[in-house]
Amino acid sequence: MKLPLKLLLTGPGALGERLLFELARRGHQGRVLRRRREATLPSGWESVRFDLSDPRRARDLDHACADCDAIVHLAAVTHTNRR
């Protein structure tokens, strides 16, 4: 596997945000799927707005995954993020 990796990170919450900055520190780049709020991202990372619960947005997910080497899936529905 080539290094650094281009990653897709879902769920930039408390755990995801810490992991994101550690991955960036190690030289990895990629995209962050976010549902609502803008996230402060390290250099080399871009934000993609996407709601995993909306199947009509599948094309957006295709775009988010394009050219990524791996997906780090941390998104979840919890009592704090239900609509």
C-alpha atoms as a PDB file:
ATOM      1  CA  MET A   1       0.000   0.000   0.000  1.00  0.00           C
ATOM      2  CA  LYS A   2       1.310   3.440  -0.895  1.00  0.00           C
ATOM      3  CA  LEU A   3       1.914   6.039   1.784  1.00  0.00           C
ATOM      4  CA  PRO A   4       0.661   8.609   2.529  1.00  0.00           C
ATOM      5  CA  LEU A   5      -2.920   7.540   1.993  1.00  0.00           C
ATOM      6  CA  LYS A   6      -5.837   9.513   0.631  1.00  0.00           C
ATOM      7  CA  LEU A   7      -8.672   8.765   3.049  1.00  0.00           C
ATOM      8  CA  LEU A   8     -12.372   9.369   3.447  1.00  0.00           C
ATOM      9  CA  LEU A   9     -13.304   9.979   7.089  1.00  0.00           C
ATOM     10  CA  THR A  10     -16.960   9.822   8.132  1.00  0.00           C
ATOM     11  CA  GLY A  11     -18.134  11.144  11.469  1.00  0.00           C
ATOM     12  CA  PRO A  12     -15.954  14.134  12.359  1.00  0.00           C
ATOM     13  CA  GLY A  13     -17.296  14.196  15.930  1.00  0.00           C
ATOM     14  CA  ALA A  14     -15.184  14.045  19.093  1.00  0.00           C
ATOM     15  CA  LEU A  15     -13.351  10.838  18.137  1.00  0.00           C
ATOM     16  CA  GLY A  16     -13.214  11.575  14.404  1.00  0.00           C
ATOM     17  CA  GLU A  17     -11.790  15.048  14.903  1.00  0.00           C
ATOM     18  CA  ARG A  18      -8.935  13.744  17.048  1.00  0.00           C
ATOM     19  CA  LEU A  19      -8.212  11.001  14.534  1.00  0.00           C
ATOM     20  CA  LEU A  20      -8.351  13.469  11.635  1.00  0.00           C
ATOM     21  CA  PHE A  21      -5.621  15.668  13.087  1.00  0.00           C
ATOM     22  CA  GLU A  22      -3.472  12.638  13.927  1.00  0.00           C
ATOM     23  CA  LEU A  23      -3.837  11.302  10.389  1.00  0.00           C
ATOM     24  CA  ALA A  24      -2.898  14.718   8.986  1.00  0.00           C
ATOM     25  CA  ARG A  25       0.114  14.878  11.316  1.00  0.00           C
ATOM     26  CA  ARG A  26       1.255  11.562   9.825  1.00  0.00           C
ATOM     27  CA  GLY A  27       1.004  13.005   6.316  1.00  0.00           C
ATOM     28  CA  HIS A  28      -2.309  11.531   5.156  1.00  0.00           C
ATOM     29  CA  GLN A  29      -4.817  13.607   3.193  1.00  0.00           C
ATOM     30  CA  GLY A  30      -8.398  13.213   2.056  1.00  0.00           C
ATOM     31  CA  ARG A  31     -11.980  14.172   2.612  1.00  0.00           C
ATOM     32  CA  VAL A  32     -14.250  14.458   5.622  1.00  0.00           C
ATOM     33  CA  LEU A  33     -17.950  13.651   5.288  1.00  0.00           C
ATOM     34  CA  ARG A  34     -19.967  15.928   7.501  1.00  0.00           C
ATOM     35  CA  ARG A  35     -23.702  16.219   7.977  1.00  0.00           C
ATOM     36  CA  ARG A  36     -24.085  19.650   9.491  1.00  0.00           C
ATOM     37  CA  ARG A  37     -21.461  21.934  10.878  1.00  0.00           C
ATOM     38  CA  GLU A  38     -18.397  23.191   9.115  1.00  0.00           C
ATOM     39  CA  ALA A  39     -15.313  21.565  10.479  1.00  0.00           C
ATOM     40  CA  THR A  40     -11.892  23.114  10.892  1.00  0.00           C
ATOM     41  CA  LEU A  41      -9.724  20.928   8.719  1.00  0.00           C
ATOM     42  CA  PRO A  42      -5.981  20.496   8.528  1.00  0.00           C
ATOM     43  CA  SER A  43      -4.124  21.226   5.302  1.00  0.00           C
ATOM     44  CA  GLY A  44      -4.706  18.608   2.605  1.00  0.00           C
ATOM     45  CA  TRP A  45      -8.232  17.764   3.766  1.00  0.00           C
ATOM     46  CA  GLU A  46     -11.521  18.882   2.234  1.00  0.00           C
ATOM     47  CA  SER A  47     -15.033  18.883   3.604  1.00  0.00           C
ATOM     48  CA  VAL A  48     -17.918  17.136   1.797  1.00  0.00           C
ATOM     49  CA  ARG A  49     -21.404  17.743   3.127  1.00  0.00           C
ATOM     50  CA  PHE A  50     -23.421  14.525   3.142  1.00  0.00           C
ATOM     51  CA  ASP A  51     -26.183  12.891   5.172  1.00  0.00           C
ATOM     52  CA  LEU A  52     -25.645   9.117   5.366  1.00  0.00           C
ATOM     53  CA  SER A  53     -29.357   8.605   6.088  1.00  0.00           C
ATOM     54  CA  ASP A  54     -30.456  10.151   2.743  1.00  0.00           C
ATOM     55  CA  PRO A  55     -30.200   7.532  -0.054  1.00  0.00           C
ATOM     56  CA  ARG A  56     -31.064  10.183  -2.677  1.00  0.00           C
ATOM     57  CA  ARG A  57     -27.574  11.625  -2.192  1.00  0.00           C
ATOM     58  CA  ALA A  58     -25.735   8.500  -3.416  1.00  0.00           C
ATOM     59  CA  ARG A  59     -23.963  10.428  -6.199  1.00  0.00           C
ATOM     60  CA  ASP A  60     -22.455  12.734  -3.596  1.00  0.00           C
ATOM     61  CA  LEU A  61     -21.064   9.684  -1.824  1.00  0.00           C
ATOM     62  CA  ASP A  62     -19.554   8.443  -5.088  1.00  0.00           C
ATOM     63  CA  HIS A  63     -17.793  11.785  -5.460  1.00  0.00           C
ATOM     64  CA  ALA A  64     -16.571  11.726  -1.867  1.00  0.00           C
ATOM     65  CA  CYS A  65     -15.040   8.254  -2.326  1.00  0.00           C
ATOM     66  CA  ALA A  66     -13.377   9.028  -5.673  1.00  0.00           C
ATOM     67  CA  ASP A  67      -9.618   8.418  -5.640  1.00  0.00           C
ATOM     68  CA  CYS A  68      -9.578   7.450  -1.945  1.00  0.00           C
ATOM     69  CA  ASP A  69      -7.397   4.555  -0.828  1.00  0.00           C
ATOM     70  CA  ALA A  70      -9.511   3.712   2.226  1.00  0.00           C
ATOM     71  CA  ILE A  71     -12.581   4.742   4.220  1.00  0.00           C
ATOM     72  CA  VAL A  72     -12.492   5.323   7.978  1.00  0.00           C
ATOM     73  CA  HIS A  73     -16.149   5.018   8.998  1.00  0.00           C
ATOM     74  CA  LEU A  74     -16.919   6.555  12.372  1.00  0.00           C
ATOM     75  CA  ALA A  75     -20.357   8.059  11.651  1.00  0.00           C
ATOM     76  CA  ALA A  76     -23.277   6.916  13.762  1.00  0.00           C
ATOM     77  CA  VAL A  77     -26.795   7.932  14.666  1.00  0.00           C
ATOM     78  CA  THR A  78     -26.945   8.740  18.352  1.00  0.00           C
ATOM     79  CA  HIS A  79     -29.439  10.437  20.638  1.00  0.00           C
ATOM     80  CA  THR A  80     -27.482  13.684  20.199  1.00  0.00           C
ATOM     81  CA  ASN A  81     -27.664  13.851  16.401  1.00  0.00           C
ATOM     82  CA  ARG A  82     -31.167  12.605  15.585  1.00  0.00           C
ATOM     83  CA  ARG A  83     -33.377  14.968  13.696  1.00  0.00           C
END
